[in-house]
Every structure is written in C-alpha cells, then in structure tokens.
N, C-alpha and C. Protein backbone atom coordinates (compact mmCIF):
# COMPACT_ATOMS: atom_id res chain seq x y z
N MET A 1 18.46 -62.63 -21.90
CA MET A 1 18.65 -63.29 -23.53
C MET A 1 19.78 -63.76 -23.35
N CYS A 2 20.11 -64.39 -24.71
CA CYS A 2 21.23 -65.13 -24.78
C CYS A 2 22.47 -63.92 -24.83
N ARG A 3 23.66 -64.77 -24.60
CA ARG A 3 24.84 -63.81 -24.62
C ARG A 3 25.05 -63.71 -25.96
N ILE A 4 24.92 -64.72 -26.99
CA ILE A 4 25.17 -64.63 -28.31
C ILE A 4 23.73 -64.47 -28.96
N THR A 5 23.26 -63.42 -29.00
CA THR A 5 21.70 -63.20 -29.57
C THR A 5 21.65 -63.90 -30.87
N ARG A 6 22.26 -63.85 -31.73
CA ARG A 6 22.16 -64.10 -33.03
C ARG A 6 22.22 -65.78 -33.03
N LEU A 7 22.92 -66.03 -32.28
CA LEU A 7 23.04 -67.82 -32.38
C LEU A 7 21.84 -68.23 -31.80
N CYS A 8 21.37 -67.67 -30.78
CA CYS A 8 20.16 -68.30 -29.96
C CYS A 8 18.91 -68.08 -30.97
N ALA A 9 18.93 -66.85 -31.69
CA ALA A 9 17.72 -66.48 -32.61
C ALA A 9 17.57 -67.58 -33.67
N SER A 10 18.80 -68.09 -34.09
CA SER A 10 18.73 -68.81 -35.26
C SER A 10 18.28 -70.07 -34.91
N PHE A 11 18.86 -70.80 -33.61
CA PHE A 11 18.48 -72.00 -33.15
C PHE A 11 17.02 -71.84 -32.28
N LEU A 12 16.38 -70.80 -32.36
CA LEU A 12 15.04 -70.64 -31.59
C LEU A 12 14.11 -71.77 -32.24
N PHE A 13 13.99 -71.92 -33.46
CA PHE A 13 13.17 -72.93 -33.82
C PHE A 13 13.45 -74.22 -33.57
N LEU A 14 15.00 -74.61 -33.40
CA LEU A 14 15.67 -75.78 -33.41
C LEU A 14 15.84 -76.35 -32.03
N ALA A 15 15.90 -75.73 -31.39
CA ALA A 15 16.23 -76.01 -29.74
C ALA A 15 15.33 -75.13 -28.76
N PRO A 16 15.17 -76.02 -27.58
CA PRO A 16 14.34 -75.27 -26.61
C PRO A 16 14.77 -73.85 -25.98
N LEU A 17 14.09 -73.16 -25.50
CA LEU A 17 14.53 -71.84 -24.80
C LEU A 17 15.52 -72.03 -23.83
N SER A 18 15.50 -72.97 -23.29
CA SER A 18 16.59 -73.24 -21.93
C SER A 18 18.00 -73.26 -22.88
N ALA A 19 18.33 -73.27 -24.07
CA ALA A 19 19.47 -73.02 -24.45
C ALA A 19 20.08 -71.69 -24.28
N CYS A 20 19.24 -70.67 -24.05
CA CYS A 20 19.64 -69.56 -23.82
C CYS A 20 20.01 -69.03 -22.48
N GLU A 21 20.58 -69.73 -21.88
CA GLU A 21 21.10 -69.58 -20.51
C GLU A 21 20.00 -68.71 -19.56
N GLY A 22 18.97 -69.27 -19.25
CA GLY A 22 18.22 -68.59 -18.21
C GLY A 22 17.14 -67.43 -18.90
N PRO A 23 16.39 -66.81 -17.63
CA PRO A 23 15.77 -65.74 -18.08
C PRO A 23 16.24 -64.64 -18.22
N PRO A 24 15.54 -63.70 -19.12
CA PRO A 24 16.15 -62.27 -19.26
C PRO A 24 16.28 -61.38 -18.02
N PRO A 25 17.51 -60.57 -18.02
CA PRO A 25 17.60 -59.88 -16.66
C PRO A 25 16.50 -58.86 -16.50
N THR A 26 16.25 -58.46 -15.45
CA THR A 26 15.42 -57.39 -15.24
C THR A 26 15.97 -56.01 -15.69
N LYS A 27 15.17 -55.23 -15.86
CA LYS A 27 15.51 -53.83 -16.42
C LYS A 27 16.56 -53.09 -15.17
N LYS A 28 16.18 -53.28 -14.10
CA LYS A 28 16.90 -52.58 -13.25
C LYS A 28 18.13 -53.31 -12.94
N ALA A 29 18.30 -54.61 -13.33
CA ALA A 29 19.74 -55.34 -13.03
C ALA A 29 20.53 -54.74 -14.52
N ALA A 30 19.88 -54.92 -15.45
CA ALA A 30 20.63 -54.42 -16.71
C ALA A 30 21.18 -53.13 -16.61
N GLU A 31 20.35 -52.17 -16.15
CA GLU A 31 20.85 -50.73 -15.61
C GLU A 31 22.08 -50.58 -14.74
N GLN A 32 22.00 -51.57 -13.68
CA GLN A 32 22.86 -51.59 -12.83
C GLN A 32 24.33 -51.90 -13.53
N VAL A 33 24.23 -53.09 -14.11
CA VAL A 33 25.24 -53.42 -15.09
C VAL A 33 25.89 -52.77 -15.99
N LYS A 34 25.06 -51.73 -16.67
CA LYS A 34 25.63 -50.75 -17.48
C LYS A 34 26.24 -49.75 -16.58
N ALA A 35 25.84 -49.32 -15.59
CA ALA A 35 26.35 -48.33 -14.60
C ALA A 35 27.86 -48.83 -14.01
N GLU A 36 27.95 -49.80 -13.70
CA GLU A 36 29.04 -50.56 -13.17
C GLU A 36 30.03 -50.69 -14.20
N GLU A 37 29.82 -51.15 -15.63
CA GLU A 37 30.43 -50.94 -16.69
C GLU A 37 31.05 -49.50 -17.03
N ALA A 38 30.23 -48.59 -16.95
CA ALA A 38 30.51 -47.21 -17.41
C ALA A 38 31.63 -46.70 -16.36
N GLU A 39 31.40 -47.23 -15.12
CA GLU A 39 32.13 -46.86 -13.90
C GLU A 39 33.71 -47.41 -14.02
N GLU A 40 33.74 -48.80 -14.23
CA GLU A 40 35.08 -49.20 -14.62
C GLU A 40 35.63 -48.78 -15.76
N ALA A 41 34.94 -48.35 -16.82
CA ALA A 41 35.71 -47.76 -18.08
C ALA A 41 36.14 -46.54 -18.03
N LYS A 42 35.79 -45.66 -16.73
CA LYS A 42 36.29 -44.40 -16.81
C LYS A 42 37.58 -44.15 -16.02
N GLY A 43 38.49 -43.52 -16.16
CA GLY A 43 39.59 -43.70 -15.40
C GLY A 43 39.91 -42.70 -14.52
N PRO A 44 40.99 -42.72 -13.46
CA PRO A 44 41.09 -41.97 -12.38
C PRO A 44 40.82 -40.21 -12.95
N GLY A 45 40.36 -39.61 -12.10
CA GLY A 45 40.31 -38.24 -12.31
C GLY A 45 38.94 -37.67 -13.03
N LYS A 46 38.05 -38.64 -13.46
CA LYS A 46 36.92 -38.17 -14.32
C LYS A 46 35.88 -38.35 -13.19
N THR A 47 34.87 -37.34 -13.51
CA THR A 47 33.69 -37.34 -12.35
C THR A 47 32.82 -38.27 -12.93
N LEU A 48 32.32 -38.74 -12.40
CA LEU A 48 31.15 -39.85 -12.27
C LEU A 48 29.67 -39.25 -11.67
N SER A 49 28.75 -39.16 -12.57
CA SER A 49 27.31 -38.64 -12.22
C SER A 49 26.91 -39.77 -11.30
N LEU A 50 26.13 -39.26 -10.24
CA LEU A 50 25.55 -40.43 -9.38
C LEU A 50 24.18 -40.51 -10.10
N ASP A 51 23.65 -41.69 -9.84
CA ASP A 51 21.95 -42.01 -10.56
C ASP A 51 21.14 -40.81 -10.20
N ASP A 52 20.05 -40.72 -10.96
CA ASP A 52 19.07 -39.58 -10.77
C ASP A 52 18.55 -39.83 -9.35
N GLY A 53 18.01 -40.94 -8.79
CA GLY A 53 17.54 -41.12 -7.64
C GLY A 53 18.14 -40.44 -6.74
N ALA A 54 19.62 -40.67 -6.65
CA ALA A 54 20.39 -40.19 -5.42
C ALA A 54 20.47 -38.76 -5.59
N ALA A 55 20.61 -38.02 -6.86
CA ALA A 55 20.84 -36.83 -6.98
C ALA A 55 19.63 -36.12 -6.54
N LYS A 56 18.40 -36.67 -6.74
CA LYS A 56 17.02 -35.79 -6.26
C LYS A 56 16.83 -35.94 -5.00
N SER A 57 17.57 -37.10 -4.34
CA SER A 57 17.03 -37.26 -2.84
C SER A 57 17.95 -36.33 -2.16
N VAL A 58 17.35 -35.67 -1.09
CA VAL A 58 17.89 -34.89 0.20
C VAL A 58 17.59 -35.24 1.42
N SER A 59 17.37 -36.84 1.45
CA SER A 59 16.71 -37.22 2.66
C SER A 59 18.17 -37.53 3.50
N GLY A 60 19.03 -37.15 3.35
CA GLY A 60 20.20 -37.57 4.10
C GLY A 60 20.89 -38.87 3.85
N GLU A 61 20.47 -39.47 2.82
CA GLU A 61 21.02 -40.96 2.62
C GLU A 61 22.45 -40.69 2.09
N ARG A 62 23.36 -41.57 2.10
CA ARG A 62 24.54 -41.44 1.60
C ARG A 62 24.57 -41.77 0.06
N MET A 63 25.60 -41.19 -0.80
CA MET A 63 25.64 -41.57 -1.89
C MET A 63 26.28 -42.69 -2.21
N SER A 64 25.88 -43.56 -3.58
CA SER A 64 26.61 -44.66 -3.55
C SER A 64 28.10 -44.56 -3.74
N MET A 65 28.96 -45.48 -3.41
CA MET A 65 30.39 -45.48 -3.23
C MET A 65 30.84 -46.05 -4.61
N PRO A 66 32.21 -45.78 -5.19
CA PRO A 66 32.61 -46.31 -5.99
C PRO A 66 33.33 -47.54 -6.05
N LYS A 67 33.43 -48.52 -6.91
CA LYS A 67 33.34 -49.83 -6.81
C LYS A 67 34.80 -50.32 -5.97
N ALA A 68 35.88 -49.40 -6.18
CA ALA A 68 36.89 -49.57 -5.38
C ALA A 68 37.07 -49.17 -4.00
N ALA A 69 36.21 -48.25 -3.74
CA ALA A 69 35.85 -47.95 -2.30
C ALA A 69 35.08 -48.77 -1.47
N ARG A 70 34.22 -49.49 -2.14
CA ARG A 70 33.23 -50.44 -1.36
C ARG A 70 33.91 -51.48 -0.88
N GLN A 71 34.99 -51.68 -1.50
CA GLN A 71 36.26 -52.93 -1.26
C GLN A 71 36.82 -52.35 0.07
N ASN A 72 36.90 -51.36 0.43
CA ASN A 72 37.51 -50.67 1.50
C ASN A 72 36.40 -50.04 2.29
N PRO A 73 35.78 -50.66 3.30
CA PRO A 73 34.69 -50.33 4.02
C PRO A 73 34.86 -49.07 4.97
N LYS A 74 36.25 -48.68 4.93
CA LYS A 74 36.78 -47.52 5.92
C LYS A 74 36.52 -46.22 5.31
N LEU A 75 36.31 -46.30 3.82
CA LEU A 75 36.34 -44.86 3.26
C LEU A 75 34.56 -44.51 3.33
N ARG A 76 34.13 -44.02 4.31
CA ARG A 76 32.78 -43.51 4.32
C ARG A 76 32.73 -42.02 4.42
N ASP A 77 31.83 -41.47 3.85
CA ASP A 77 31.63 -39.96 3.68
C ASP A 77 31.65 -39.63 5.29
N PRO A 78 32.33 -38.14 5.24
CA PRO A 78 32.31 -37.74 6.63
C PRO A 78 30.97 -37.24 7.01
N SER A 79 30.71 -37.37 8.44
CA SER A 79 29.26 -37.06 8.78
C SER A 79 28.77 -35.84 8.33
N TRP A 80 29.57 -34.69 7.93
CA TRP A 80 28.91 -33.66 7.55
C TRP A 80 28.64 -33.61 5.98
N PHE A 81 29.15 -34.50 5.15
CA PHE A 81 29.12 -34.56 3.87
C PHE A 81 27.70 -35.06 3.44
N ARG A 82 26.70 -34.35 3.19
CA ARG A 82 25.14 -34.52 2.92
C ARG A 82 24.55 -33.90 1.97
N PRO A 83 23.86 -34.18 1.29
CA PRO A 83 22.72 -33.15 0.47
C PRO A 83 22.19 -32.28 1.49
N THR A 84 21.90 -32.61 2.57
CA THR A 84 20.90 -31.94 3.77
C THR A 84 21.83 -31.14 4.60
N ILE A 85 22.87 -30.71 4.27
CA ILE A 85 23.80 -29.99 5.09
C ILE A 85 23.08 -28.51 5.06
N PHE A 86 22.44 -28.01 4.36
CA PHE A 86 21.78 -26.86 4.25
C PHE A 86 20.15 -27.31 4.19
N ALA A 87 19.31 -26.79 5.39
CA ALA A 87 17.93 -27.41 5.21
C ALA A 87 17.19 -26.61 4.03
N ASP A 88 16.31 -27.63 3.35
CA ASP A 88 15.66 -27.04 2.01
C ASP A 88 16.50 -26.53 1.09
N ALA A 89 17.62 -26.62 0.77
CA ALA A 89 18.45 -26.70 -0.19
C ALA A 89 18.19 -27.62 -1.67
N LYS A 90 18.51 -27.15 -2.84
CA LYS A 90 18.12 -27.78 -3.72
C LYS A 90 19.44 -28.49 -4.42
N VAL A 91 19.41 -29.50 -4.75
CA VAL A 91 20.74 -30.38 -4.90
C VAL A 91 20.87 -30.12 -6.55
N LEU A 92 21.89 -29.47 -7.10
CA LEU A 92 22.00 -28.91 -8.40
C LEU A 92 22.68 -30.16 -8.96
N SER A 93 23.78 -30.56 -8.26
CA SER A 93 24.77 -31.52 -8.72
C SER A 93 25.38 -32.33 -7.56
N GLN A 94 25.77 -33.50 -7.75
CA GLN A 94 26.54 -34.19 -6.82
C GLN A 94 27.12 -35.36 -7.89
N GLY A 95 28.32 -35.78 -7.34
CA GLY A 95 29.24 -36.94 -7.96
C GLY A 95 30.30 -37.33 -7.23
N ARG A 96 30.98 -38.27 -7.79
CA ARG A 96 32.13 -38.92 -7.27
C ARG A 96 33.28 -39.11 -8.53
N ALA A 97 34.54 -38.67 -8.10
CA ALA A 97 35.64 -39.10 -9.09
C ALA A 97 35.72 -40.43 -9.07
N ALA A 98 36.26 -41.06 -10.13
CA ALA A 98 36.67 -42.73 -10.01
C ALA A 98 37.61 -42.71 -9.11
N ALA A 99 37.65 -43.84 -8.43
CA ALA A 99 38.71 -44.02 -7.63
C ALA A 99 40.45 -44.24 -8.04
N ASP A 100 41.20 -44.01 -7.41
CA ASP A 100 42.48 -44.21 -7.92
C ASP A 100 42.84 -45.48 -7.86
N GLU A 101 44.21 -45.85 -8.12
CA GLU A 101 44.88 -46.92 -7.95
C GLU A 101 44.84 -47.61 -6.52
N ASN A 102 44.67 -46.59 -5.55
CA ASN A 102 44.79 -46.94 -4.05
C ASN A 102 43.34 -47.01 -3.56
N GLY A 103 42.24 -46.72 -4.32
CA GLY A 103 40.88 -46.85 -4.08
C GLY A 103 40.30 -45.66 -3.50
N LEU A 104 41.21 -44.40 -3.38
CA LEU A 104 40.95 -43.25 -2.98
C LEU A 104 40.05 -42.37 -4.08
N PHE A 105 39.29 -41.25 -3.67
CA PHE A 105 38.12 -40.74 -4.61
C PHE A 105 37.99 -39.24 -4.01
N SER A 106 37.30 -38.52 -4.68
CA SER A 106 36.82 -37.34 -4.28
C SER A 106 35.42 -37.09 -4.36
N SER A 107 34.48 -36.57 -3.64
CA SER A 107 33.23 -36.41 -3.96
C SER A 107 32.76 -34.92 -3.84
N GLN A 108 31.76 -34.62 -4.47
CA GLN A 108 31.22 -33.15 -4.45
C GLN A 108 29.78 -33.07 -4.62
N ILE A 109 29.29 -31.89 -3.79
CA ILE A 109 27.83 -31.72 -3.98
C ILE A 109 27.78 -30.18 -4.24
N THR A 110 26.77 -29.63 -5.22
CA THR A 110 26.51 -28.37 -5.34
C THR A 110 25.06 -28.07 -5.11
N LEU A 111 24.84 -27.17 -4.16
CA LEU A 111 23.42 -26.79 -3.68
C LEU A 111 23.12 -25.42 -3.88
N GLN A 112 21.64 -25.11 -4.34
CA GLN A 112 21.30 -23.94 -4.47
C GLN A 112 20.45 -23.75 -3.16
N LEU A 113 20.85 -22.61 -2.43
CA LEU A 113 20.20 -22.30 -0.98
C LEU A 113 19.08 -21.59 -1.36
N ASP A 114 18.30 -21.47 -0.12
CA ASP A 114 17.21 -20.76 0.00
C ASP A 114 17.35 -19.18 -0.31
N LEU A 115 16.03 -18.59 -0.93
CA LEU A 115 16.35 -17.16 -0.99
C LEU A 115 16.58 -16.57 0.37
N GLY A 116 17.31 -15.66 0.28
CA GLY A 116 17.47 -14.88 1.56
C GLY A 116 18.78 -15.18 2.39
N VAL A 117 19.35 -16.43 1.75
CA VAL A 117 20.55 -16.74 2.39
C VAL A 117 21.52 -16.04 1.80
N ASP A 118 22.55 -15.19 2.42
CA ASP A 118 23.50 -14.51 1.96
C ASP A 118 24.84 -15.29 2.13
N GLU A 119 26.01 -14.71 1.47
CA GLU A 119 27.45 -15.42 1.38
C GLU A 119 27.82 -15.45 3.06
N ASP A 120 27.65 -14.30 3.99
CA ASP A 120 28.07 -14.58 5.41
C ASP A 120 27.31 -15.59 5.84
N THR A 121 26.17 -16.04 5.86
CA THR A 121 25.39 -17.01 6.37
C THR A 121 25.71 -18.37 6.06
N CYS A 122 26.00 -18.53 4.49
CA CYS A 122 26.47 -19.65 4.06
C CYS A 122 27.86 -20.11 4.69
N VAL A 123 28.86 -19.09 4.66
CA VAL A 123 30.26 -19.43 5.35
C VAL A 123 30.05 -19.81 6.73
N ARG A 124 29.31 -19.10 7.31
CA ARG A 124 29.25 -19.23 8.90
C ARG A 124 28.65 -20.95 9.19
N HIS A 125 27.62 -20.92 8.38
CA HIS A 125 27.05 -22.63 8.37
C HIS A 125 27.81 -23.56 8.00
N LEU A 126 28.68 -23.33 7.06
CA LEU A 126 29.67 -24.62 6.61
C LEU A 126 30.73 -24.49 7.68
N LEU A 127 31.42 -23.52 8.40
CA LEU A 127 32.34 -23.40 9.34
C LEU A 127 31.77 -24.21 10.43
N ASP A 128 30.57 -24.01 10.86
CA ASP A 128 29.90 -24.59 11.98
C ASP A 128 29.80 -26.34 11.64
N SER A 129 29.37 -26.44 10.57
CA SER A 129 28.85 -27.88 10.15
C SER A 129 30.25 -28.55 10.11
N VAL A 130 31.37 -28.12 9.57
CA VAL A 130 32.40 -28.97 9.05
C VAL A 130 33.57 -28.64 9.81
N GLY A 131 33.72 -27.60 10.74
CA GLY A 131 34.71 -27.24 11.53
C GLY A 131 34.93 -28.26 12.65
N ALA A 132 34.07 -28.80 13.15
CA ALA A 132 34.34 -29.94 14.37
C ALA A 132 34.92 -31.04 13.72
N ASP A 133 34.97 -31.36 12.67
CA ASP A 133 35.68 -32.59 12.08
C ASP A 133 36.98 -32.29 11.36
N VAL A 134 36.88 -30.90 10.84
CA VAL A 134 38.26 -30.18 10.11
C VAL A 134 38.73 -28.89 10.69
N PRO A 135 39.47 -29.37 11.73
CA PRO A 135 39.80 -28.01 12.71
C PRO A 135 40.82 -26.94 11.67
N GLY A 136 40.86 -25.74 11.89
CA GLY A 136 41.86 -24.97 11.22
C GLY A 136 41.29 -24.57 9.74
N LEU A 137 40.13 -24.47 9.36
CA LEU A 137 39.40 -24.38 8.23
C LEU A 137 39.74 -22.69 8.13
N GLU A 138 40.29 -22.57 6.87
CA GLU A 138 40.67 -21.00 6.30
C GLU A 138 39.83 -20.44 5.34
N VAL A 139 39.43 -19.44 5.61
CA VAL A 139 38.44 -18.78 4.58
C VAL A 139 39.12 -17.63 3.75
N GLU A 140 38.82 -17.45 2.68
CA GLU A 140 39.79 -16.79 1.65
C GLU A 140 38.67 -16.12 0.54
N ASP A 141 38.83 -14.90 0.83
CA ASP A 141 37.63 -14.02 -0.12
C ASP A 141 38.37 -14.02 -1.63
N LYS A 142 37.37 -14.66 -2.48
CA LYS A 142 37.79 -14.54 -4.00
C LYS A 142 37.18 -13.43 -4.83
N GLY A 143 36.56 -12.57 -4.06
CA GLY A 143 35.74 -11.56 -4.87
C GLY A 143 34.34 -11.70 -5.02
N ASP A 144 34.11 -12.87 -6.23
CA ASP A 144 32.64 -13.35 -6.25
C ASP A 144 32.33 -14.43 -5.65
N ARG A 145 33.15 -14.99 -4.58
CA ARG A 145 32.88 -16.28 -3.76
C ARG A 145 33.92 -16.27 -2.59
N ARG A 146 33.44 -17.19 -1.61
CA ARG A 146 34.66 -17.40 -0.68
C ARG A 146 34.69 -18.64 -0.70
N SER A 147 36.08 -19.02 -0.46
CA SER A 147 36.52 -20.28 -0.47
C SER A 147 36.97 -20.78 0.97
N ILE A 148 36.51 -21.94 1.35
CA ILE A 148 36.91 -22.54 2.70
C ILE A 148 37.88 -23.67 2.37
N THR A 149 38.89 -23.91 2.88
CA THR A 149 39.87 -25.22 2.68
C THR A 149 40.38 -25.64 4.19
N GLY A 150 40.69 -26.89 4.12
CA GLY A 150 41.17 -27.33 5.22
C GLY A 150 41.49 -29.00 4.86
N GLU A 151 42.21 -29.50 5.93
CA GLU A 151 42.35 -30.87 5.74
C GLU A 151 42.63 -31.78 7.21
N THR A 152 42.44 -32.81 7.02
CA THR A 152 42.53 -33.81 8.28
C THR A 152 43.63 -34.68 7.65
N SER A 153 44.04 -35.89 8.67
CA SER A 153 45.04 -36.59 8.41
C SER A 153 44.66 -37.62 6.97
N THR A 154 43.42 -37.68 6.75
CA THR A 154 42.93 -38.48 5.67
C THR A 154 42.25 -37.86 4.59
N TYR A 155 41.77 -36.69 4.76
CA TYR A 155 41.03 -35.97 3.49
C TYR A 155 41.17 -34.42 3.48
N SER A 156 41.20 -33.89 2.44
CA SER A 156 41.12 -32.61 2.25
C SER A 156 39.97 -31.97 1.74
N VAL A 157 39.57 -30.57 2.05
CA VAL A 157 38.13 -30.29 2.00
C VAL A 157 38.11 -28.86 1.14
N VAL A 158 37.19 -28.82 0.24
CA VAL A 158 36.98 -27.43 -0.45
C VAL A 158 35.61 -27.20 -0.35
N LEU A 159 35.24 -25.96 0.31
CA LEU A 159 33.87 -25.64 0.36
C LEU A 159 33.84 -24.19 -0.25
N LEU A 160 32.78 -23.91 -1.09
CA LEU A 160 32.71 -22.72 -1.62
C LEU A 160 31.16 -21.99 -1.41
N CYS A 161 31.01 -20.77 -1.31
CA CYS A 161 29.86 -19.98 -1.20
C CYS A 161 29.99 -18.64 -2.02
N GLY A 162 28.89 -18.68 -2.99
CA GLY A 162 28.93 -17.53 -3.85
C GLY A 162 27.64 -17.76 -4.69
N GLU A 163 27.17 -16.50 -5.52
CA GLU A 163 26.13 -16.29 -6.04
C GLU A 163 26.28 -16.81 -7.50
N ALA A 164 25.37 -17.65 -8.07
CA ALA A 164 25.31 -18.25 -9.37
C ALA A 164 23.69 -18.17 -9.95
N LYS A 165 23.73 -17.35 -11.04
CA LYS A 165 22.24 -17.14 -11.52
C LYS A 165 21.36 -16.68 -10.70
N GLY A 166 21.77 -15.58 -9.73
CA GLY A 166 21.02 -15.04 -9.12
C GLY A 166 20.66 -15.79 -7.49
N ARG A 167 21.18 -16.93 -7.44
CA ARG A 167 20.99 -17.25 -6.22
C ARG A 167 22.30 -17.91 -5.38
N MET A 168 22.20 -17.72 -4.06
CA MET A 168 23.38 -18.26 -3.47
C MET A 168 23.72 -19.85 -3.71
N THR A 169 24.66 -20.10 -3.58
CA THR A 169 25.10 -21.46 -3.97
C THR A 169 26.30 -21.92 -3.16
N ALA A 170 26.24 -23.27 -2.79
CA ALA A 170 27.26 -23.80 -1.86
C ALA A 170 27.57 -24.92 -2.62
N TYR A 171 29.11 -25.20 -2.79
CA TYR A 171 29.82 -26.13 -3.31
C TYR A 171 30.52 -26.93 -2.25
N ILE A 172 30.36 -28.12 -1.99
CA ILE A 172 30.87 -28.85 -0.71
C ILE A 172 31.62 -30.39 -1.31
N SER A 173 32.96 -30.30 -0.94
CA SER A 173 33.66 -31.33 -1.55
C SER A 173 34.78 -31.87 -0.85
N TYR A 174 35.38 -33.12 -0.69
CA TYR A 174 36.26 -33.50 0.00
C TYR A 174 37.01 -34.75 -0.89
N THR A 175 38.33 -34.59 -0.50
CA THR A 175 39.11 -35.90 -1.35
C THR A 175 39.86 -36.59 -0.36
N TRP A 176 39.89 -37.89 -0.56
CA TRP A 176 40.67 -38.74 0.44
C TRP A 176 42.15 -38.53 -0.11
N THR A 177 42.98 -38.31 0.94
CA THR A 177 44.27 -38.32 0.54
C THR A 177 45.02 -39.37 1.19
N ALA A 178 44.57 -40.10 2.00
CA ALA A 178 44.98 -41.51 2.61
C ALA A 178 44.08 -41.99 3.38
N PRO A 179 43.86 -43.36 3.38
CA PRO A 179 43.22 -44.19 4.09
C PRO A 179 42.76 -43.78 5.26
N PRO A 180 41.75 -44.14 6.12
CA PRO A 180 41.69 -43.76 7.74
C PRO A 180 42.40 -45.08 8.33
N PRO A 181 43.02 -44.53 9.40
CA PRO A 181 43.91 -45.77 10.36
C PRO A 181 42.93 -46.84 10.62
N ALA A 182 43.60 -47.94 10.78
CA ALA A 182 42.93 -49.01 11.06
C ALA A 182 42.24 -49.20 12.35
C-alpha cells in the first residue's frame, strides 16, 4: 500500500495505482518488518521472545540472532545451546536479550523434562553436555533447585535444574561477555 494511505486513497480516482509505490507487501514481509522494528525499539537488557515457530521447534535449529549480533558473524550459539539438549524435552520458553552497544547479548531456554527425570540426572546431563566447552562448572544446591555456573573467555553460563509445577525443569542460558577472538 501507499506510505501515505490517505493521500493515495484520495487520489485513487484521479491517478493510476502506480502512484502508490508498487505492490502491497506480503503478510510474512510485513510481520518481519514489525518484528525488526519491535526489536530495535527495545533497549539493552530487555528480553525478546523468539517467533512462535522457533519456540515450538526442537529440531536443533539455531534461534534467530539479534540484529546487532547478525552484524558480527562470530557471535554464534555455543554448540551445546540448543532446545534439543535433552531428548524429548518440551520448550516452555526461549529468548534473547537485546544486544548491548557492543553487540553482546544473552540467550535462554527453559525446558520441561520427561517424567522420571530427577534433579541428579538433569545436573549430570548438563555437566556432560556443557562441561567440554565450559571447564570448571560449579554446582550449588539452592534447596529447591541446583544452579550450575561457569565461564569461558567469551561468555558466562547459568544452568538450573529444579521442579516446577510437578515436573523437572531445566533452564539453560549464556551471556556474551566479550567477542570471540579473531
């Protein structure tokens, strides 16, 4: 449609449709523009929800990158950061914080685990899955959950295992602290 809808509408009978700058955008293109505008409007530190397709997908595909991070192709999710880190887990939520002025951001996924998975199994699995990339992970018992933290030279990690609404839940996240070396 026209950029100035009222103006084009008033001239609709006086001028050919070509005065209205080309064909209307597709629904998908319009949604993408709205999503990018919403992302740019959010300030640093606010969490952005990923699109419904990415949140529901557990095929191991990467989540979409924030605009500032797309400009720095070195900022890729660590290999362990994926919604399929636990087989058959249900994705409850996932998102990314808006990138800061340096293009650095944080990402998080919350998973509801299969029935029968207990806290010890959750912790062992996360230590095995993440420990190769993040040596020196520390486990802390918080009473109702266990927290696993660690860091590399470029990102910090927070992992949680605990019961929520009668089911074991895992929270996995990382925050870029510095760009990867060139």
